[in-house]
Amino acid sequence: PDGKKLLFNRFSFYISDVSLEGGEESVIQDDVKMLNFTNVNSSKAGAEQGLTYQLKNVPQDSYSSFSFCVGVPQAKNIMKPSDFGIGDDLSIAAEYWQPWRSYIFARTEGFIDLEGDNTKEKGFALHTGGSNALVCLDANQSFNITESGNDILVEIDLKKLFGESTIYNIAANPQIHSLA
């Protein structure tokens, strides 16, 4: 936001409690999935193509809204990776901080060119977690699920992550690794 160049080498987060409202019934997917944009966004073409998250067994109907959370709901966040089976996204030990007793909900990592000389001299690692960091988002957008399915485009603007009116100071705070 302040014109400094950033290189993101990792962006990932857990998505949970995805729900569709309206029509004859509501659909709730209470599983937790890791969405990892790291390799997707390594090229402009990959970033433009995006990442697909697919809901399964959604009835054909008209829906008036959808919602999801970024992070791990408390009932699962109090558990450990060893409590989940192999292949479950919550079984990934590297996504869990034992001292916090929490999953890392979102990771934004990279480098910043603080001096404007095209040298990325400062690394940053912004990791959020802990039950208070769970963020749920609602979108009132009407759509129909048909036999062939339906796509809902969710754009993620990392520029907004660093602030619009008050800009997050990466130089002063290049790492977030605490519940405080």
C-alpha atoms as a PDB file:
ATOM      1  CA  PRO A   1       0.000   0.000   0.000  1.00  0.00           C
ATOM      2  CA  ASP A   2       2.891   2.415   0.558  1.00  0.00           C
ATOM      3  CA  GLY A   3       4.586   1.559  -2.760  1.00  0.00           C
ATOM      4  CA  LYS A   4       7.232  -0.838  -1.501  1.00  0.00           C
ATOM      5  CA  LYS A   5       7.674  -4.025  -3.547  1.00  0.00           C
ATOM      6  CA  LEU A   6       6.805  -7.304  -1.879  1.00  0.00           C
ATOM      7  CA  LEU A   7       7.676 -10.827  -2.927  1.00  0.00           C
ATOM      8  CA  PHE A   8       5.315 -13.392  -1.457  1.00  0.00           C
ATOM      9  CA  ASN A   9       6.819 -16.852  -1.248  1.00  0.00           C
ATOM     10  CA  ARG A  10       3.995 -18.376   0.792  1.00  0.00           C
ATOM     11  CA  PHE A  11       0.339 -17.651   1.322  1.00  0.00           C
ATOM     12  CA  SER A  12      -1.943 -20.263   2.847  1.00  0.00           C
ATOM     13  CA  PHE A  13      -4.847 -20.518   5.229  1.00  0.00           C
ATOM     14  CA  TYR A  14      -7.360 -22.951   6.653  1.00  0.00           C
ATOM     15  CA  ILE A  15     -10.939 -22.634   5.440  1.00  0.00           C
ATOM     16  CA  SER A  16     -13.755 -24.018   7.568  1.00  0.00           C
ATOM     17  CA  ASP A  17     -17.508 -23.944   8.179  1.00  0.00           C
ATOM     18  CA  VAL A  18     -18.434 -23.321   4.557  1.00  0.00           C
ATOM     19  CA  SER A  19     -22.186 -22.914   4.244  1.00  0.00           C
ATOM     20  CA  LEU A  20     -24.725 -22.105   1.545  1.00  0.00           C
ATOM     21  CA  GLU A  21     -28.063 -20.607   2.576  1.00  0.00           C
ATOM     22  CA  GLY A  22     -31.398 -20.388   0.813  1.00  0.00           C
ATOM     23  CA  GLY A  23     -33.612 -22.552  -1.295  1.00  0.00           C
ATOM     24  CA  GLU A  24     -35.105 -25.658   0.228  1.00  0.00           C
ATOM     25  CA  GLU A  25     -32.213 -26.345   2.570  1.00  0.00           C
ATOM     26  CA  SER A  26     -28.935 -25.061   3.889  1.00  0.00           C
ATOM     27  CA  VAL A  27     -25.681 -26.831   3.128  1.00  0.00           C
ATOM     28  CA  ILE A  28     -22.919 -26.868   5.693  1.00  0.00           C
ATOM     29  CA  GLN A  29     -19.478 -28.375   5.148  1.00  0.00           C
ATOM     30  CA  ASP A  30     -17.899 -28.612   8.577  1.00  0.00           C
ATOM     31  CA  ASP A  31     -14.581 -30.034   7.431  1.00  0.00           C
ATOM     32  CA  VAL A  32     -11.417 -27.948   7.600  1.00  0.00           C
ATOM     33  CA  LYS A  33      -9.211 -27.635   4.519  1.00  0.00           C
ATOM     34  CA  MET A  34      -5.864 -25.987   3.893  1.00  0.00           C
ATOM     35  CA  LEU A  35      -5.861 -23.670   0.890  1.00  0.00           C
ATOM     36  CA  ASN A  36      -2.253 -23.190  -0.147  1.00  0.00           C
ATOM     37  CA  PHE A  37      -1.724 -20.556  -2.831  1.00  0.00           C
ATOM     38  CA  THR A  38       2.075 -20.784  -2.687  1.00  0.00           C
ATOM     39  CA  ASN A  39       2.618 -22.737  -5.909  1.00  0.00           C
ATOM     40  CA  VAL A  40      -0.490 -21.369  -7.628  1.00  0.00           C
ATOM     41  CA  ASN A  41       0.748 -17.799  -7.348  1.00  0.00           C
ATOM     42  CA  SER A  42       4.316 -18.451  -8.495  1.00  0.00           C
ATOM     43  CA  SER A  43       3.408 -17.083 -11.929  1.00  0.00           C
ATOM     44  CA  LYS A  44       0.991 -14.473 -13.243  1.00  0.00           C
ATOM     45  CA  ALA A  45      -0.882 -17.148 -15.230  1.00  0.00           C
ATOM     46  CA  GLY A  46      -1.184 -19.347 -12.159  1.00  0.00           C
ATOM     47  CA  ALA A  47      -2.453 -16.440 -10.070  1.00  0.00           C
ATOM     48  CA  GLU A  48      -5.024 -15.563 -12.726  1.00  0.00           C
ATOM     49  CA  GLN A  49      -6.191 -19.185 -12.892  1.00  0.00           C
ATOM     50  CA  GLY A  50      -6.486 -19.316  -9.116  1.00  0.00           C
ATOM     51  CA  LEU A  51      -7.204 -22.218  -6.839  1.00  0.00           C
ATOM     52  CA  THR A  52     -10.336 -24.346  -6.812  1.00  0.00           C
ATOM     53  CA  TYR A  53     -12.035 -25.477  -3.624  1.00  0.00           C
ATOM     54  CA  GLN A  54     -14.870 -27.868  -4.342  1.00  0.00           C
ATOM     55  CA  LEU A  55     -17.923 -28.571  -2.216  1.00  0.00           C
ATOM     56  CA  LYS A  56     -19.285 -32.061  -2.693  1.00  0.00           C
ATOM     57  CA  ASN A  57     -22.867 -33.329  -2.590  1.00  0.00           C
ATOM     58  CA  VAL A  58     -24.504 -29.920  -2.861  1.00  0.00           C
ATOM     59  CA  PRO A  59     -28.178 -30.193  -3.899  1.00  0.00           C
ATOM     60  CA  GLN A  60     -29.295 -28.422  -7.060  1.00  0.00           C
ATOM     61  CA  ASP A  61     -31.153 -25.368  -5.866  1.00  0.00           C
ATOM     62  CA  SER A  62     -31.155 -21.574  -5.657  1.00  0.00           C
ATOM     63  CA  TYR A  63     -29.071 -20.074  -2.887  1.00  0.00           C
ATOM     64  CA  SER A  64     -29.037 -16.544  -1.497  1.00  0.00           C
ATOM     65  CA  SER A  65     -25.696 -16.463   0.335  1.00  0.00           C
ATOM     66  CA  PHE A  66     -22.578 -18.314   1.270  1.00  0.00           C
ATOM     67  CA  SER A  67     -20.180 -17.998   4.166  1.00  0.00           C
ATOM     68  CA  PHE A  68     -16.915 -19.455   5.357  1.00  0.00           C
ATOM     69  CA  CYS A  69     -14.354 -18.991   8.092  1.00  0.00           C
ATOM     70  CA  VAL A  70     -10.608 -18.457   7.825  1.00  0.00           C
ATOM     71  CA  GLY A  71      -9.070 -20.560  10.552  1.00  0.00           C
ATOM     72  CA  VAL A  72      -9.922 -23.600  12.604  1.00  0.00           C
ATOM     73  CA  PRO A  73     -13.070 -23.643  14.781  1.00  0.00           C
ATOM     74  CA  GLN A  74     -12.377 -23.969  18.503  1.00  0.00           C
ATOM     75  CA  ALA A  75     -13.717 -27.539  18.764  1.00  0.00           C
ATOM     76  CA  LYS A  76     -11.026 -28.719  16.345  1.00  0.00           C
ATOM     77  CA  ASN A  77      -8.398 -26.124  17.266  1.00  0.00           C
ATOM     78  CA  ILE A  78      -8.054 -27.634  20.758  1.00  0.00           C
ATOM     79  CA  MET A  79      -7.056 -30.922  19.129  1.00  0.00           C
ATOM     80  CA  LYS A  80      -3.567 -31.874  17.897  1.00  0.00           C
ATOM     81  CA  PRO A  81      -2.394 -33.146  14.494  1.00  0.00           C
ATOM     82  CA  SER A  82      -2.014 -36.650  15.947  1.00  0.00           C
ATOM     83  CA  ASP A  83      -5.791 -36.648  16.633  1.00  0.00           C
ATOM     84  CA  PHE A  84      -6.482 -36.686  12.881  1.00  0.00           C
ATOM     85  CA  GLY A  85      -5.899 -39.367  10.281  1.00  0.00           C
ATOM     86  CA  ILE A  86      -3.191 -39.313   7.627  1.00  0.00           C
ATOM     87  CA  GLY A  87      -4.312 -37.195   4.698  1.00  0.00           C
ATOM     88  CA  ASP A  88      -6.495 -34.929   6.820  1.00  0.00           C
ATOM     89  CA  ASP A  89      -5.343 -31.320   6.463  1.00  0.00           C
ATOM     90  CA  LEU A  90      -5.349 -31.007  10.265  1.00  0.00           C
ATOM     91  CA  SER A  91      -2.793 -33.824  10.563  1.00  0.00           C
ATOM     92  CA  ILE A  92       0.006 -31.576   9.224  1.00  0.00           C
ATOM     93  CA  ALA A  93       2.339 -31.089  12.185  1.00  0.00           C
ATOM     94  CA  ALA A  94       4.078 -28.070  10.587  1.00  0.00           C
ATOM     95  CA  GLU A  95       0.764 -26.181  10.728  1.00  0.00           C
ATOM     96  CA  TYR A  96       0.447 -26.587  14.497  1.00  0.00           C
ATOM     97  CA  TRP A  97       2.202 -24.634  17.258  1.00  0.00           C
ATOM     98  CA  GLN A  98       2.533 -26.711  20.384  1.00  0.00           C
ATOM     99  CA  PRO A  99       3.298 -23.717  22.698  1.00  0.00           C
ATOM    100  CA  TRP A 100       0.075 -22.054  21.501  1.00  0.00           C
ATOM    101  CA  ARG A 101      -1.900 -25.293  21.503  1.00  0.00           C
ATOM    102  CA  SER A 102      -3.309 -23.964  18.241  1.00  0.00           C
ATOM    103  CA  TYR A 103      -3.111 -24.376  14.523  1.00  0.00           C
ATOM    104  CA  ILE A 104      -1.559 -21.659  12.409  1.00  0.00           C
ATOM    105  CA  PHE A 105      -4.680 -20.314  10.730  1.00  0.00           C
ATOM    106  CA  ALA A 106      -2.938 -18.282   8.035  1.00  0.00           C
ATOM    107  CA  ARG A 107       0.629 -17.840   6.791  1.00  0.00           C
ATOM    108  CA  THR A 108       1.791 -14.869   4.758  1.00  0.00           C
ATOM    109  CA  GLU A 109       5.522 -14.943   4.125  1.00  0.00           C
ATOM    110  CA  GLY A 110       7.968 -13.219   1.825  1.00  0.00           C
ATOM    111  CA  PHE A 111      10.440 -10.397   1.410  1.00  0.00           C
ATOM    112  CA  ILE A 112      10.158  -6.634   1.116  1.00  0.00           C
ATOM    113  CA  ASP A 113      12.307  -4.061  -0.683  1.00  0.00           C
ATOM    114  CA  LEU A 114      12.483  -1.376   2.013  1.00  0.00           C
ATOM    115  CA  GLU A 115      14.955   0.883   0.189  1.00  0.00           C
ATOM    116  CA  GLY A 116      13.402   0.842  -3.291  1.00  0.00           C
ATOM    117  CA  ASP A 117      16.571  -0.569  -4.880  1.00  0.00           C
ATOM    118  CA  ASN A 118      15.041  -3.842  -6.176  1.00  0.00           C
ATOM    119  CA  THR A 119      16.765  -5.806  -3.413  1.00  0.00           C
ATOM    120  CA  LYS A 120      14.425  -7.682  -1.117  1.00  0.00           C
ATOM    121  CA  GLU A 121      16.453  -7.068   2.054  1.00  0.00           C
ATOM    122  CA  LYS A 122      13.877  -7.847   4.750  1.00  0.00           C
ATOM    123  CA  GLY A 123      11.986 -11.108   5.244  1.00  0.00           C
ATOM    124  CA  PHE A 124       8.583 -11.251   6.866  1.00  0.00           C
ATOM    125  CA  ALA A 125       6.508 -14.067   8.353  1.00  0.00           C
ATOM    126  CA  LEU A 126       3.020 -13.187   9.493  1.00  0.00           C
ATOM    127  CA  HIS A 127       1.379 -16.189  11.137  1.00  0.00           C
ATOM    128  CA  THR A 128      -1.967 -15.950  12.869  1.00  0.00           C
ATOM    129  CA  GLY A 129      -3.652 -18.533  15.036  1.00  0.00           C
ATOM    130  CA  GLY A 130      -5.516 -19.062  18.250  1.00  0.00           C
ATOM    131  CA  SER A 131      -9.271 -19.173  18.635  1.00  0.00           C
ATOM    132  CA  ASN A 132      -9.557 -15.365  18.753  1.00  0.00           C
ATOM    133  CA  ALA A 133      -8.078 -15.162  15.232  1.00  0.00           C
ATOM    134  CA  LEU A 134     -10.953 -17.091  13.608  1.00  0.00           C
ATOM    135  CA  VAL A 135     -12.570 -14.773  11.045  1.00  0.00           C
ATOM    136  CA  CYS A 136     -15.882 -15.630   9.418  1.00  0.00           C
ATOM    137  CA  LEU A 137     -17.042 -13.964   6.216  1.00  0.00           C
ATOM    138  CA  ASP A 138     -20.535 -13.756   4.742  1.00  0.00           C
ATOM    139  CA  ALA A 139     -21.461 -12.925   1.162  1.00  0.00           C
ATOM    140  CA  ASN A 140     -24.998 -12.163   0.100  1.00  0.00           C
ATOM    141  CA  GLN A 141     -24.767 -13.328  -3.470  1.00  0.00           C
ATOM    142  CA  SER A 142     -27.548 -15.199  -5.207  1.00  0.00           C
ATOM    143  CA  PHE A 143     -26.565 -18.164  -7.337  1.00  0.00           C
ATOM    144  CA  ASN A 144     -27.944 -21.446  -8.605  1.00  0.00           C
ATOM    145  CA  ILE A 145     -26.389 -24.863  -8.325  1.00  0.00           C
ATOM    146  CA  THR A 146     -27.230 -26.803 -11.458  1.00  0.00           C
ATOM    147  CA  GLU A 147     -26.488 -30.318 -12.637  1.00  0.00           C
ATOM    148  CA  SER A 148     -23.182 -29.106 -14.064  1.00  0.00           C
ATOM    149  CA  GLY A 149     -22.309 -27.244 -10.848  1.00  0.00           C
ATOM    150  CA  ASN A 150     -21.508 -23.591 -10.329  1.00  0.00           C
ATOM    151  CA  ASP A 151     -18.412 -21.521  -9.667  1.00  0.00           C
ATOM    152  CA  ILE A 152     -18.262 -18.740  -7.108  1.00  0.00           C
ATOM    153  CA  LEU A 153     -15.276 -16.461  -7.536  1.00  0.00           C
ATOM    154  CA  VAL A 154     -13.686 -15.299  -4.288  1.00  0.00           C
ATOM    155  CA  GLU A 155     -10.911 -12.783  -4.840  1.00  0.00           C
ATOM    156  CA  ILE A 156      -8.223 -12.411  -2.206  1.00  0.00           C
ATOM    157  CA  ASP A 157      -6.463  -9.058  -2.262  1.00  0.00           C
ATOM    158  CA  LEU A 158      -3.253  -9.334  -0.235  1.00  0.00           C
ATOM    159  CA  LYS A 159      -2.740  -5.597  -0.602  1.00  0.00           C
ATOM    160  CA  LYS A 160      -5.706  -5.109   1.739  1.00  0.00           C
ATOM    161  CA  LEU A 161      -4.091  -7.442   4.272  1.00  0.00           C
ATOM    162  CA  PHE A 162      -1.521  -4.729   4.956  1.00  0.00           C
ATOM    163  CA  GLY A 163      -4.089  -1.971   5.426  1.00  0.00           C
ATOM    164  CA  GLU A 164      -5.735   0.799   3.494  1.00  0.00           C
ATOM    165  CA  SER A 165      -5.993   3.768   5.843  1.00  0.00           C
ATOM    166  CA  THR A 166      -3.456   2.536   8.416  1.00  0.00           C
ATOM    167  CA  ILE A 167      -0.653   0.545   6.807  1.00  0.00           C
ATOM    168  CA  TYR A 168       0.872  -2.392   8.669  1.00  0.00           C
ATOM    169  CA  ASN A 169       4.533  -1.619   9.374  1.00  0.00           C
ATOM    170  CA  ILE A 170       6.482  -4.658   8.138  1.00  0.00           C
ATOM    171  CA  ALA A 171       9.864  -2.999   8.788  1.00  0.00           C
ATOM    172  CA  ALA A 172       9.044  -2.571  12.486  1.00  0.00           C
ATOM    173  CA  ASN A 173       7.089  -5.833  12.845  1.00  0.00           C
ATOM    174  CA  PRO A 174       8.324  -8.377  10.284  1.00  0.00           C
ATOM    175  CA  GLN A 175       7.149 -11.357  12.314  1.00  0.00           C
ATOM    176  CA  ILE A 176       3.947 -12.287  14.056  1.00  0.00           C
ATOM    177  CA  HIS A 177       4.281 -15.476  16.075  1.00  0.00           C
ATOM    178  CA  SER A 178       2.300 -14.907  19.225  1.00  0.00           C
ATOM    179  CA  LEU A 179      -1.232 -14.987  20.469  1.00  0.00           C
ATOM    180  CA  ALA A 180      -0.840 -11.379  21.610  1.00  0.00           C
END
